[in-house]
Amino acid sequence: MSMILLVIVIAGILATLISLGLGVFNLITSRGEKKRALLSNKLMRWRIIFQVITLIIFTALLIFTKKSHHGPTDTHIHQDGR
């Protein structure tokens, strides 16, 4: 389960980076064109959506891995004090 979440997090990071890169590139090359500026704005909104989804899944991954790791198996105290 954690491997699936890890793959999804990596895909989310890549989607965030791609939308960020496309948005910045489009913003730089738009030179005042309204349509391209609107597209850049839309790409930045998608970046935020990808970022939020990735953070939620990353949080779930941390919680899942924390719950799956148990503490030391022999934590009881022996009757003879050991």
Protein backbone atom coordinates (compact mmCIF):
# COMPACT_ATOMS: atom_id res chain seq x y z
CA MET A 1 0.00 0.00 0.00
CA SER A 2 2.77 2.44 0.90
CA MET A 3 4.53 1.73 -2.40
CA ILE A 4 1.40 2.71 -4.31
CA LEU A 5 1.11 5.93 -2.31
CA LEU A 6 4.78 6.67 -2.92
CA VAL A 7 4.35 6.26 -6.69
CA ILE A 8 1.29 8.54 -6.59
CA VAL A 9 3.25 11.16 -4.61
CA ILE A 10 6.09 11.06 -7.15
CA ALA A 11 3.58 11.40 -10.00
CA GLY A 12 2.00 14.35 -8.19
CA ILE A 13 5.38 16.02 -7.75
CA LEU A 14 6.11 15.57 -11.45
CA ALA A 15 2.68 16.95 -12.42
CA THR A 16 3.29 19.94 -10.14
CA LEU A 17 6.71 20.61 -11.65
CA ILE A 18 5.44 20.25 -15.22
CA SER A 19 2.50 22.61 -14.67
CA LEU A 20 4.81 25.07 -12.91
CA GLY A 21 7.33 24.96 -15.74
CA LEU A 22 4.69 25.34 -18.44
CA GLY A 23 3.01 28.17 -16.55
CA VAL A 24 6.22 30.12 -16.04
CA PHE A 25 7.37 29.52 -19.63
CA ASN A 26 4.00 30.64 -20.97
CA LEU A 27 4.02 33.71 -18.72
CA ILE A 28 7.50 34.74 -19.86
CA THR A 29 6.77 34.25 -23.55
CA SER A 30 3.25 35.74 -23.57
CA ARG A 31 4.47 39.36 -23.99
CA GLY A 32 1.14 40.88 -23.12
CA GLU A 33 -1.06 38.51 -25.13
CA LYS A 34 -4.24 38.14 -23.14
CA LYS A 35 -5.01 34.55 -24.22
CA ARG A 36 -1.57 33.30 -23.25
CA ALA A 37 -1.69 35.17 -19.96
CA LEU A 38 -5.03 33.49 -19.20
CA LEU A 39 -3.53 30.11 -20.09
CA SER A 40 -0.61 30.78 -17.77
CA ASN A 41 -3.03 31.66 -14.98
CA LYS A 42 -4.95 28.42 -15.59
CA LEU A 43 -1.72 26.41 -15.51
CA MET A 44 -0.80 27.99 -12.18
CA ARG A 45 -4.22 27.05 -10.79
CA TRP A 46 -3.59 23.46 -11.89
CA ARG A 47 -0.21 23.62 -10.13
CA ILE A 48 -1.91 24.55 -6.88
CA ILE A 49 -4.44 21.73 -7.29
CA PHE A 50 -1.66 19.21 -7.98
CA GLN A 51 0.29 20.52 -5.00
CA VAL A 52 -2.63 20.21 -2.59
CA ILE A 53 -3.50 16.69 -3.76
CA THR A 54 0.16 15.65 -3.52
CA LEU A 55 0.47 17.03 0.02
CA ILE A 56 -2.70 15.20 1.13
CA ILE A 57 -1.46 11.91 -0.30
CA PHE A 58 2.02 12.50 1.18
CA THR A 59 0.42 13.06 4.59
CA ALA A 60 -1.54 9.82 4.18
CA LEU A 61 1.70 8.06 3.28
CA LEU A 62 3.40 9.35 6.43
CA ILE A 63 0.47 8.31 8.61
CA PHE A 64 0.27 4.88 6.96
CA THR A 65 3.98 4.18 7.34
CA LYS A 66 3.97 5.40 10.95
CA LYS A 67 1.10 3.05 11.81
CA SER A 68 2.68 0.11 10.02
CA HIS A 69 5.93 0.36 12.01
CA HIS A 70 5.51 -1.09 15.46
CA GLY A 71 7.75 -0.43 18.39
CA PRO A 72 10.10 -2.96 19.96
CA THR A 73 8.47 -6.38 20.18
CA ASP A 74 9.82 -7.30 23.61
CA THR A 75 8.84 -4.37 25.83
CA HIS A 76 7.44 -6.23 28.82
CA ILE A 77 9.37 -6.35 32.07
CA HIS A 78 10.51 -9.76 33.28
CA GLN A 79 9.45 -10.76 36.76
CA ASP A 80 13.04 -11.13 37.89
CA GLY A 81 13.77 -7.47 37.09
CA ARG A 82 15.50 -7.91 33.74
